[in-house]
Amino acid sequence: MPIIKPFRDLSEHDVINLYAFSGNSSALPVSKGTFVKVIGSGWRATDEQLVMLGGAGASYTNTVSQRYGVLPKVAVAASGDTPIGMMLYDVRNVDENSESLLYNPRKQAEMQCVLSGQAVPIAIRGMFLYSGILGTVTAGQTLYPDDSGGLRANGAVGAAIATALGAKDDNGFALIKINI
């Protein structure tokens, strides 16, 4: 499972906020640091990009409580795929106590996560302190996507998406630079 620490260097111009993560509740949570690919037709300027996600809770006569989301979707990139970037927030519907985050946006912001169907920020360029790289990492080594949305140091399959800027530390974190 990939993990990114708050130590990072990126520009807001290198963050895409147009896609929601595609997955059912059983696939959640999905961790920040996961590399994702576009699925379906992607983002098109001629389409309506907002969708109704359904009611926010109980329904009552003469009331409407729709949740809005975005239509374009991304999914976990596997080896051989070409990812568009790395998720900067978790995607989850419940907190650590299995309480819904739908009704607690403050806690959702504190946890740096988005709900299923909401746009997730995706970094396409920057430097990150990253854990979850498969294999031995050396400075300057090219990194490739693995099957779980993380990075692989050995066994090049697919497009090169990152470069290691140093070896892993004692906790398994390495400084990486992504440029997709």
N, C-alpha and C. Protein backbone atom coordinates (compact mmCIF):
# COMPACT_ATOMS: atom_id res chain seq x y z
N MET A 1 0.85 -1.18 0.00
CA MET A 1 0.00 0.00 0.00
C MET A 1 0.89 1.24 0.00
N PRO A 2 0.74 2.10 -0.99
CA PRO A 2 1.58 3.30 -1.05
C PRO A 2 1.20 4.31 0.04
N ILE A 3 2.19 5.02 0.49
CA ILE A 3 1.99 6.08 1.49
C ILE A 3 2.85 7.27 1.08
N ILE A 4 2.29 8.48 1.13
CA ILE A 4 3.09 9.67 0.93
C ILE A 4 3.04 10.51 2.20
N LYS A 5 4.16 11.09 2.53
CA LYS A 5 4.26 11.95 3.72
C LYS A 5 4.02 13.40 3.32
N PRO A 6 3.76 14.26 4.30
CA PRO A 6 3.51 15.68 3.98
C PRO A 6 4.71 16.39 3.34
N PHE A 7 5.92 15.85 3.50
CA PHE A 7 7.09 16.45 2.85
C PHE A 7 6.97 16.26 1.35
N ARG A 8 6.74 17.36 0.64
CA ARG A 8 6.56 17.30 -0.81
C ARG A 8 6.82 18.66 -1.43
N ASP A 9 7.07 18.67 -2.72
CA ASP A 9 7.26 19.90 -3.46
C ASP A 9 6.52 19.77 -4.78
N LEU A 10 5.43 20.54 -4.91
CA LEU A 10 4.66 20.51 -6.14
C LEU A 10 3.95 21.84 -6.32
N SER A 11 3.57 22.10 -7.55
CA SER A 11 2.84 23.31 -7.88
C SER A 11 1.37 22.96 -8.06
N GLU A 12 0.49 23.86 -7.68
CA GLU A 12 -0.94 23.63 -7.89
C GLU A 12 -1.28 23.57 -9.38
N HIS A 13 -0.41 24.08 -10.23
CA HIS A 13 -0.61 23.99 -11.68
C HIS A 13 -0.40 22.56 -12.18
N ASP A 14 0.24 21.73 -11.35
CA ASP A 14 0.51 20.34 -11.71
C ASP A 14 -0.46 19.37 -11.02
N VAL A 15 -1.63 19.86 -10.62
CA VAL A 15 -2.65 19.04 -9.97
C VAL A 15 -3.93 19.09 -10.81
N ILE A 16 -4.46 17.91 -11.12
CA ILE A 16 -5.71 17.79 -11.88
C ILE A 16 -6.84 17.54 -10.89
N ASN A 17 -7.91 18.32 -10.98
CA ASN A 17 -9.07 18.16 -10.10
C ASN A 17 -10.33 17.89 -10.90
N LEU A 18 -10.26 17.01 -11.89
CA LEU A 18 -11.38 16.78 -12.80
C LEU A 18 -11.96 15.38 -12.72
N TYR A 19 -11.36 14.46 -11.99
CA TYR A 19 -11.75 13.06 -12.02
C TYR A 19 -12.14 12.54 -10.64
N ALA A 20 -13.11 11.63 -10.63
CA ALA A 20 -13.50 10.91 -9.42
C ALA A 20 -12.93 9.51 -9.51
N PHE A 21 -12.69 8.88 -8.37
CA PHE A 21 -12.21 7.50 -8.36
C PHE A 21 -13.37 6.56 -8.61
N SER A 22 -13.18 5.62 -9.51
CA SER A 22 -14.22 4.65 -9.83
C SER A 22 -14.00 3.40 -9.02
N GLY A 23 -14.95 3.08 -8.20
CA GLY A 23 -14.85 1.87 -7.40
C GLY A 23 -16.04 1.76 -6.48
N ASN A 24 -16.38 0.55 -6.12
CA ASN A 24 -17.51 0.38 -5.20
C ASN A 24 -17.03 0.46 -3.76
N SER A 25 -17.95 0.40 -2.84
CA SER A 25 -17.62 0.57 -1.42
C SER A 25 -16.68 -0.52 -0.91
N SER A 26 -16.72 -1.70 -1.51
CA SER A 26 -15.84 -2.77 -1.05
C SER A 26 -14.38 -2.51 -1.42
N ALA A 27 -14.15 -1.68 -2.45
CA ALA A 27 -12.78 -1.35 -2.86
C ALA A 27 -12.18 -0.22 -2.03
N LEU A 28 -12.99 0.45 -1.22
CA LEU A 28 -12.52 1.58 -0.43
C LEU A 28 -12.04 1.11 0.93
N PRO A 29 -11.11 1.79 1.56
CA PRO A 29 -10.46 3.02 1.12
C PRO A 29 -9.33 2.76 0.13
N VAL A 30 -9.02 3.79 -0.65
CA VAL A 30 -7.88 3.78 -1.56
C VAL A 30 -6.94 4.88 -1.07
N SER A 31 -5.69 4.55 -0.90
CA SER A 31 -4.73 5.45 -0.26
C SER A 31 -4.20 6.52 -1.19
N LYS A 32 -3.90 7.69 -0.59
CA LYS A 32 -3.17 8.70 -1.34
C LYS A 32 -1.81 8.12 -1.67
N GLY A 33 -1.28 8.51 -2.81
CA GLY A 33 -0.04 7.93 -3.29
C GLY A 33 -0.27 6.85 -4.33
N THR A 34 -1.53 6.48 -4.56
CA THR A 34 -1.87 5.48 -5.57
C THR A 34 -1.86 6.12 -6.95
N PHE A 35 -1.20 5.48 -7.90
CA PHE A 35 -1.18 5.97 -9.27
C PHE A 35 -2.44 5.50 -9.99
N VAL A 36 -3.04 6.39 -10.77
CA VAL A 36 -4.33 6.11 -11.40
C VAL A 36 -4.27 6.36 -12.90
N LYS A 37 -5.21 5.70 -13.62
CA LYS A 37 -5.35 5.86 -15.07
C LYS A 37 -6.78 6.30 -15.36
N VAL A 38 -6.98 6.93 -16.51
CA VAL A 38 -8.32 7.35 -16.94
C VAL A 38 -9.06 6.13 -17.46
N ILE A 39 -10.35 6.01 -17.10
CA ILE A 39 -11.18 4.95 -17.65
C ILE A 39 -12.38 5.57 -18.35
N GLY A 40 -13.00 4.81 -19.22
CA GLY A 40 -14.14 5.32 -19.98
C GLY A 40 -13.69 6.35 -21.00
N SER A 41 -14.56 7.30 -21.28
CA SER A 41 -14.25 8.31 -22.30
C SER A 41 -13.44 9.46 -21.74
N GLY A 42 -13.19 9.48 -20.42
CA GLY A 42 -12.39 10.55 -19.83
C GLY A 42 -13.16 11.86 -19.76
N TRP A 43 -12.43 12.95 -19.74
CA TRP A 43 -13.04 14.28 -19.65
C TRP A 43 -13.25 14.83 -21.05
N ARG A 44 -14.48 15.28 -21.33
CA ARG A 44 -14.80 15.87 -22.63
C ARG A 44 -15.50 17.19 -22.40
N ALA A 45 -15.09 18.21 -23.11
CA ALA A 45 -15.63 19.56 -22.94
C ALA A 45 -17.09 19.66 -23.34
N THR A 46 -17.55 18.75 -24.17
CA THR A 46 -18.93 18.83 -24.65
C THR A 46 -19.92 18.14 -23.73
N ASP A 47 -19.44 17.39 -22.73
CA ASP A 47 -20.33 16.66 -21.82
C ASP A 47 -20.62 17.48 -20.58
N GLU A 48 -21.76 17.20 -19.98
CA GLU A 48 -22.05 17.74 -18.64
C GLU A 48 -21.19 16.94 -17.66
N GLN A 49 -20.35 17.61 -16.91
CA GLN A 49 -19.39 16.91 -16.07
C GLN A 49 -19.89 16.61 -14.66
N LEU A 50 -21.04 17.15 -14.28
CA LEU A 50 -21.60 16.86 -12.96
C LEU A 50 -22.65 15.77 -13.06
N VAL A 51 -22.69 14.92 -12.05
CA VAL A 51 -23.69 13.85 -11.99
C VAL A 51 -24.33 13.87 -10.60
N MET A 52 -25.55 13.36 -10.52
CA MET A 52 -26.24 13.21 -9.25
C MET A 52 -25.81 11.87 -8.65
N LEU A 53 -25.31 11.89 -7.43
CA LEU A 53 -24.84 10.68 -6.78
C LEU A 53 -25.92 9.99 -5.96
N GLY A 54 -27.07 10.63 -5.82
CA GLY A 54 -28.14 10.06 -5.01
C GLY A 54 -28.36 10.88 -3.76
N GLY A 55 -29.33 10.47 -3.00
CA GLY A 55 -29.68 11.19 -1.78
C GLY A 55 -28.59 11.13 -0.73
N ALA A 56 -28.55 12.14 0.11
CA ALA A 56 -27.55 12.20 1.17
C ALA A 56 -27.95 11.38 2.39
N GLY A 57 -29.15 10.89 2.42
CA GLY A 57 -29.61 10.10 3.56
C GLY A 57 -31.05 9.69 3.38
N ALA A 58 -31.81 9.82 4.42
CA ALA A 58 -33.23 9.45 4.36
C ALA A 58 -33.98 10.40 3.44
N SER A 59 -35.00 9.89 2.77
CA SER A 59 -35.79 10.75 1.88
C SER A 59 -37.14 11.02 2.53
N TYR A 60 -37.60 12.24 2.37
CA TYR A 60 -38.87 12.68 2.93
C TYR A 60 -39.69 13.32 1.83
N THR A 61 -40.98 13.29 1.97
CA THR A 61 -41.88 13.87 0.99
C THR A 61 -41.59 15.36 0.82
N ASN A 62 -41.56 15.81 -0.43
CA ASN A 62 -41.36 17.21 -0.79
C ASN A 62 -39.99 17.75 -0.42
N THR A 63 -39.00 16.90 -0.30
CA THR A 63 -37.62 17.36 -0.05
C THR A 63 -36.67 16.71 -1.05
N VAL A 64 -35.61 17.42 -1.36
CA VAL A 64 -34.57 16.89 -2.23
C VAL A 64 -33.23 17.13 -1.55
N SER A 65 -32.43 16.10 -1.46
CA SER A 65 -31.11 16.25 -0.84
C SER A 65 -30.08 15.49 -1.67
N GLN A 66 -29.93 15.90 -2.91
CA GLN A 66 -29.01 15.24 -3.82
C GLN A 66 -27.56 15.57 -3.49
N ARG A 67 -26.67 14.61 -3.76
CA ARG A 67 -25.23 14.84 -3.71
C ARG A 67 -24.74 14.94 -5.14
N TYR A 68 -23.84 15.86 -5.38
CA TYR A 68 -23.27 16.05 -6.72
C TYR A 68 -21.87 15.44 -6.76
N GLY A 69 -21.51 14.91 -7.91
CA GLY A 69 -20.19 14.36 -8.13
C GLY A 69 -19.74 14.69 -9.54
N VAL A 70 -18.60 14.15 -9.94
CA VAL A 70 -18.09 14.39 -11.28
C VAL A 70 -18.18 13.12 -12.12
N LEU A 71 -18.40 13.29 -13.41
CA LEU A 71 -18.60 12.17 -14.32
C LEU A 71 -17.30 11.46 -14.73
N PRO A 72 -16.24 12.16 -15.12
CA PRO A 72 -15.02 11.47 -15.55
C PRO A 72 -14.42 10.66 -14.40
N LYS A 73 -13.91 9.47 -14.71
CA LYS A 73 -13.43 8.55 -13.68
C LYS A 73 -12.00 8.11 -13.92
N VAL A 74 -11.34 7.75 -12.81
CA VAL A 74 -10.03 7.13 -12.84
C VAL A 74 -10.10 5.83 -12.03
N ALA A 75 -9.15 4.93 -12.30
CA ALA A 75 -9.04 3.68 -11.57
C ALA A 75 -7.57 3.41 -11.29
N VAL A 76 -7.29 2.45 -10.44
CA VAL A 76 -5.92 2.10 -10.08
C VAL A 76 -5.18 1.65 -11.34
N ALA A 77 -3.98 2.21 -11.54
CA ALA A 77 -3.14 1.84 -12.68
C ALA A 77 -2.34 0.60 -12.32
N ALA A 78 -2.32 -0.36 -13.23
CA ALA A 78 -1.55 -1.59 -13.04
C ALA A 78 -0.30 -1.54 -13.91
N SER A 79 0.57 -2.53 -13.75
CA SER A 79 1.77 -2.55 -14.58
C SER A 79 1.35 -2.70 -16.04
N GLY A 80 2.00 -1.97 -16.91
CA GLY A 80 1.65 -1.95 -18.31
C GLY A 80 0.73 -0.81 -18.67
N ASP A 81 0.05 -0.21 -17.68
CA ASP A 81 -0.82 0.94 -17.92
C ASP A 81 0.01 2.21 -17.92
N THR A 82 -0.55 3.25 -18.52
CA THR A 82 0.07 4.57 -18.46
C THR A 82 -0.76 5.45 -17.54
N PRO A 83 -0.28 5.68 -16.32
CA PRO A 83 -1.05 6.49 -15.37
C PRO A 83 -1.05 7.96 -15.75
N ILE A 84 -2.09 8.69 -15.31
CA ILE A 84 -2.11 10.13 -15.52
C ILE A 84 -1.50 10.86 -14.34
N GLY A 85 -1.38 10.21 -13.20
CA GLY A 85 -0.81 10.85 -12.03
C GLY A 85 -1.03 10.05 -10.77
N MET A 86 -0.75 10.71 -9.63
CA MET A 86 -0.81 10.09 -8.31
C MET A 86 -1.84 10.83 -7.46
N MET A 87 -2.72 10.10 -6.80
CA MET A 87 -3.74 10.71 -5.95
C MET A 87 -3.09 11.35 -4.72
N LEU A 88 -3.52 12.57 -4.41
CA LEU A 88 -2.99 13.29 -3.26
C LEU A 88 -3.87 13.13 -2.01
N TYR A 89 -5.08 12.62 -2.17
CA TYR A 89 -5.99 12.39 -1.05
C TYR A 89 -6.45 10.93 -1.08
N ASP A 90 -6.82 10.41 0.10
CA ASP A 90 -7.47 9.11 0.19
C ASP A 90 -8.88 9.22 -0.37
N VAL A 91 -9.42 8.10 -0.81
CA VAL A 91 -10.84 8.02 -1.18
C VAL A 91 -11.47 7.07 -0.19
N ARG A 92 -12.40 7.56 0.61
CA ARG A 92 -13.06 6.75 1.63
C ARG A 92 -14.42 7.32 1.97
N ASN A 93 -15.30 6.49 2.46
CA ASN A 93 -16.64 6.93 2.86
C ASN A 93 -16.82 6.96 4.36
N VAL A 94 -15.98 6.23 5.10
CA VAL A 94 -16.10 6.18 6.56
C VAL A 94 -14.75 6.48 7.19
N ASP A 95 -14.79 6.92 8.46
CA ASP A 95 -13.55 7.19 9.18
C ASP A 95 -13.06 5.93 9.89
N GLU A 96 -12.07 6.09 10.77
CA GLU A 96 -11.48 4.95 11.47
C GLU A 96 -12.45 4.26 12.43
N ASN A 97 -13.55 4.95 12.78
CA ASN A 97 -14.57 4.38 13.67
C ASN A 97 -15.79 3.88 12.90
N SER A 98 -15.67 3.76 11.59
CA SER A 98 -16.76 3.34 10.69
C SER A 98 -17.95 4.28 10.72
N GLU A 99 -17.70 5.55 11.00
CA GLU A 99 -18.76 6.56 10.94
C GLU A 99 -18.67 7.27 9.60
N SER A 100 -19.82 7.54 9.02
CA SER A 100 -19.87 8.15 7.69
C SER A 100 -19.25 9.54 7.69
N LEU A 101 -18.40 9.79 6.70
CA LEU A 101 -17.80 11.12 6.53
C LEU A 101 -18.72 12.06 5.75
N LEU A 102 -19.81 11.53 5.22
CA LEU A 102 -20.75 12.34 4.45
C LEU A 102 -21.29 13.50 5.27
N TYR A 103 -21.52 13.27 6.54
CA TYR A 103 -22.11 14.29 7.41
C TYR A 103 -21.09 15.03 8.26
N ASN A 104 -19.80 14.78 8.01
CA ASN A 104 -18.76 15.41 8.81
C ASN A 104 -17.65 15.94 7.89
N PRO A 105 -17.92 17.02 7.15
CA PRO A 105 -16.92 17.53 6.22
C PRO A 105 -15.65 18.06 6.89
N ARG A 106 -15.75 18.51 8.14
CA ARG A 106 -14.57 18.98 8.86
C ARG A 106 -13.59 17.83 9.07
N LYS A 107 -14.10 16.70 9.52
CA LYS A 107 -13.23 15.53 9.73
C LYS A 107 -12.70 15.02 8.40
N GLN A 108 -13.51 15.09 7.37
CA GLN A 108 -13.08 14.68 6.03
C GLN A 108 -11.88 15.53 5.59
N ALA A 109 -11.94 16.83 5.83
CA ALA A 109 -10.84 17.72 5.46
C ALA A 109 -9.60 17.44 6.33
N GLU A 110 -9.80 17.17 7.61
CA GLU A 110 -8.68 16.86 8.49
C GLU A 110 -7.97 15.58 8.09
N MET A 111 -8.75 14.60 7.60
CA MET A 111 -8.18 13.32 7.19
C MET A 111 -7.59 13.38 5.78
N GLN A 112 -7.74 14.50 5.10
CA GLN A 112 -7.31 14.66 3.71
C GLN A 112 -7.85 13.52 2.85
N CYS A 113 -9.17 13.46 2.76
CA CYS A 113 -9.80 12.44 1.94
C CYS A 113 -11.00 13.03 1.22
N VAL A 114 -11.44 12.34 0.19
CA VAL A 114 -12.64 12.71 -0.54
C VAL A 114 -13.58 11.52 -0.49
N LEU A 115 -14.86 11.80 -0.65
CA LEU A 115 -15.86 10.74 -0.71
C LEU A 115 -15.91 10.14 -2.10
N SER A 116 -16.36 8.92 -2.19
CA SER A 116 -16.54 8.28 -3.49
C SER A 116 -17.46 9.13 -4.35
N GLY A 117 -17.05 9.41 -5.57
CA GLY A 117 -17.83 10.23 -6.49
C GLY A 117 -17.37 11.67 -6.56
N GLN A 118 -16.64 12.15 -5.54
CA GLN A 118 -16.12 13.51 -5.55
C GLN A 118 -14.79 13.55 -6.30
N ALA A 119 -14.44 14.73 -6.82
CA ALA A 119 -13.17 14.89 -7.53
C ALA A 119 -12.01 14.71 -6.57
N VAL A 120 -11.03 13.91 -6.97
CA VAL A 120 -9.84 13.66 -6.17
C VAL A 120 -8.66 14.39 -6.82
N PRO A 121 -7.85 15.12 -6.04
CA PRO A 121 -6.69 15.80 -6.64
C PRO A 121 -5.63 14.78 -7.07
N ILE A 122 -5.13 14.96 -8.30
CA ILE A 122 -4.15 14.04 -8.88
C ILE A 122 -2.93 14.84 -9.30
N ALA A 123 -1.77 14.52 -8.73
CA ALA A 123 -0.51 15.20 -9.08
C ALA A 123 0.09 14.55 -10.31
N ILE A 124 0.54 15.38 -11.25
CA ILE A 124 1.19 14.87 -12.45
C ILE A 124 2.69 15.15 -12.44
N ARG A 125 3.14 15.98 -11.51
CA ARG A 125 4.55 16.36 -11.44
C ARG A 125 4.87 16.80 -10.02
N GLY A 126 6.06 16.48 -9.54
CA GLY A 126 6.49 16.95 -8.23
C GLY A 126 7.41 15.96 -7.54
N MET A 127 7.86 16.35 -6.32
CA MET A 127 8.72 15.49 -5.50
C MET A 127 7.95 15.11 -4.24
N PHE A 128 8.07 13.82 -3.86
CA PHE A 128 7.32 13.30 -2.74
C PHE A 128 8.17 12.33 -1.94
N LEU A 129 7.93 12.26 -0.64
CA LEU A 129 8.51 11.25 0.22
C LEU A 129 7.53 10.08 0.20
N TYR A 130 7.92 8.97 -0.42
CA TYR A 130 7.00 7.91 -0.82
C TYR A 130 7.45 6.58 -0.24
N SER A 131 6.48 5.80 0.23
CA SER A 131 6.74 4.45 0.73
C SER A 131 5.90 3.46 -0.07
N GLY A 132 6.37 2.28 -0.25
CA GLY A 132 5.63 1.26 -0.96
C GLY A 132 6.24 0.90 -2.29
N ILE A 133 7.50 1.23 -2.49
CA ILE A 133 8.19 0.89 -3.74
C ILE A 133 8.65 -0.57 -3.64
N LEU A 134 8.28 -1.37 -4.61
CA LEU A 134 8.72 -2.77 -4.63
C LEU A 134 10.13 -2.85 -5.19
N GLY A 135 10.99 -3.58 -4.50
CA GLY A 135 12.36 -3.78 -4.96
C GLY A 135 13.34 -2.84 -4.28
N THR A 136 14.59 -3.01 -4.61
CA THR A 136 15.67 -2.19 -4.06
C THR A 136 15.79 -0.91 -4.88
N VAL A 137 15.89 0.21 -4.17
CA VAL A 137 15.91 1.51 -4.83
C VAL A 137 17.28 2.15 -4.67
N THR A 138 17.80 2.71 -5.76
CA THR A 138 19.04 3.48 -5.72
C THR A 138 18.78 4.86 -6.31
N ALA A 139 19.61 5.82 -5.96
CA ALA A 139 19.46 7.18 -6.46
C ALA A 139 19.57 7.19 -7.98
N GLY A 140 18.63 7.88 -8.63
CA GLY A 140 18.63 8.00 -10.08
C GLY A 140 17.93 6.86 -10.80
N GLN A 141 17.42 5.90 -10.06
CA GLN A 141 16.77 4.74 -10.69
C GLN A 141 15.38 5.11 -11.21
N THR A 142 15.03 4.59 -12.36
CA THR A 142 13.72 4.80 -12.97
C THR A 142 12.72 3.86 -12.31
N LEU A 143 11.51 4.39 -12.04
CA LEU A 143 10.46 3.62 -11.38
C LEU A 143 9.27 3.45 -12.31
N TYR A 144 8.62 2.30 -12.21
CA TYR A 144 7.51 1.92 -13.09
C TYR A 144 6.29 1.57 -12.25
N PRO A 145 5.09 1.60 -12.85
CA PRO A 145 3.89 1.22 -12.09
C PRO A 145 3.88 -0.28 -11.78
N ASP A 146 3.39 -0.63 -10.58
CA ASP A 146 3.18 -2.05 -10.26
C ASP A 146 1.69 -2.37 -10.36
N ASP A 147 1.31 -3.57 -10.02
CA ASP A 147 -0.07 -4.01 -10.22
C ASP A 147 -1.06 -3.42 -9.23
N SER A 148 -0.58 -2.82 -8.14
CA SER A 148 -1.50 -2.31 -7.11
C SER A 148 -1.57 -0.79 -7.07
N GLY A 149 -1.10 -0.10 -8.11
CA GLY A 149 -1.14 1.36 -8.13
C GLY A 149 0.07 2.00 -7.48
N GLY A 150 1.04 1.20 -7.07
CA GLY A 150 2.26 1.71 -6.47
C GLY A 150 3.38 1.77 -7.50
N LEU A 151 4.62 1.72 -6.99
CA LEU A 151 5.79 1.79 -7.86
C LEU A 151 6.63 0.54 -7.74
N ARG A 152 7.32 0.22 -8.82
CA ARG A 152 8.21 -0.93 -8.88
C ARG A 152 9.58 -0.43 -9.33
N ALA A 153 10.63 -0.88 -8.63
CA ALA A 153 11.98 -0.46 -8.99
C ALA A 153 12.59 -1.38 -10.03
N ASN A 154 12.20 -2.63 -10.03
CA ASN A 154 12.80 -3.61 -10.94
C ASN A 154 11.72 -4.20 -11.83
N GLY A 155 12.10 -4.78 -12.94
CA GLY A 155 11.13 -5.42 -13.82
C GLY A 155 10.31 -4.41 -14.59
N ALA A 156 10.95 -3.64 -15.43
CA ALA A 156 10.29 -2.57 -16.17
C ALA A 156 9.18 -3.11 -17.06
N VAL A 157 7.96 -2.69 -16.75
CA VAL A 157 6.79 -2.99 -17.58
C VAL A 157 6.00 -1.70 -17.67
N GLY A 158 5.75 -1.23 -18.89
CA GLY A 158 5.00 0.01 -19.05
C GLY A 158 5.90 1.22 -19.07
N ALA A 159 5.27 2.38 -18.95
CA ALA A 159 5.98 3.66 -19.05
C ALA A 159 6.72 3.98 -17.75
N ALA A 160 7.89 4.59 -17.88
CA ALA A 160 8.62 5.09 -16.71
C ALA A 160 7.86 6.31 -16.19
N ILE A 161 7.51 6.32 -14.90
CA ILE A 161 6.69 7.40 -14.37
C ILE A 161 7.35 8.19 -13.26
N ALA A 162 8.47 7.69 -12.72
CA ALA A 162 9.12 8.39 -11.62
C ALA A 162 10.60 8.07 -11.60
N THR A 163 11.32 8.89 -10.84
CA THR A 163 12.75 8.68 -10.63
C THR A 163 13.02 8.75 -9.15
N ALA A 164 13.79 7.80 -8.63
CA ALA A 164 14.18 7.81 -7.23
C ALA A 164 15.31 8.83 -7.05
N LEU A 165 15.19 9.68 -6.04
CA LEU A 165 16.23 10.67 -5.78
C LEU A 165 17.14 10.24 -4.63
N GLY A 166 16.95 9.03 -4.15
CA GLY A 166 17.76 8.46 -3.09
C GLY A 166 17.27 7.07 -2.77
N ALA A 167 18.03 6.38 -1.93
CA ALA A 167 17.64 5.03 -1.51
C ALA A 167 16.57 5.11 -0.43
N LYS A 168 15.95 3.97 -0.13
CA LYS A 168 14.95 3.91 0.94
C LYS A 168 15.63 4.13 2.29
N ASP A 169 14.93 4.81 3.21
CA ASP A 169 15.45 4.97 4.56
C ASP A 169 15.06 3.76 5.40
N ASP A 170 15.32 3.81 6.70
CA ASP A 170 15.03 2.68 7.59
C ASP A 170 13.53 2.38 7.69
N ASN A 171 12.69 3.36 7.39
CA ASN A 171 11.24 3.17 7.45
C ASN A 171 10.63 2.83 6.09
N GLY A 172 11.45 2.67 5.06
CA GLY A 172 10.97 2.28 3.73
C GLY A 172 10.56 3.45 2.85
N PHE A 173 10.85 4.69 3.26
CA PHE A 173 10.49 5.86 2.46
C PHE A 173 11.68 6.27 1.58
N ALA A 174 11.35 6.68 0.36
CA ALA A 174 12.36 7.20 -0.57
C ALA A 174 11.81 8.49 -1.18
N LEU A 175 12.70 9.43 -1.46
CA LEU A 175 12.30 10.65 -2.14
C LEU A 175 12.23 10.34 -3.63
N ILE A 176 11.07 10.63 -4.22
CA ILE A 176 10.87 10.37 -5.65
C ILE A 176 10.46 11.64 -6.36
N LYS A 177 10.70 11.66 -7.66
CA LYS A 177 10.24 12.76 -8.51
C LYS A 177 9.38 12.15 -9.59
N ILE A 178 8.10 12.59 -9.65
CA ILE A 178 7.24 12.09 -10.72
C ILE A 178 7.12 13.18 -11.78
N ASN A 179 7.02 12.74 -13.02
CA ASN A 179 6.85 13.65 -14.15
C ASN A 179 6.12 12.87 -15.24
N ILE A 180 4.81 12.98 -15.20
CA ILE A 180 4.00 12.19 -16.13
C ILE A 180 3.48 13.12 -17.23
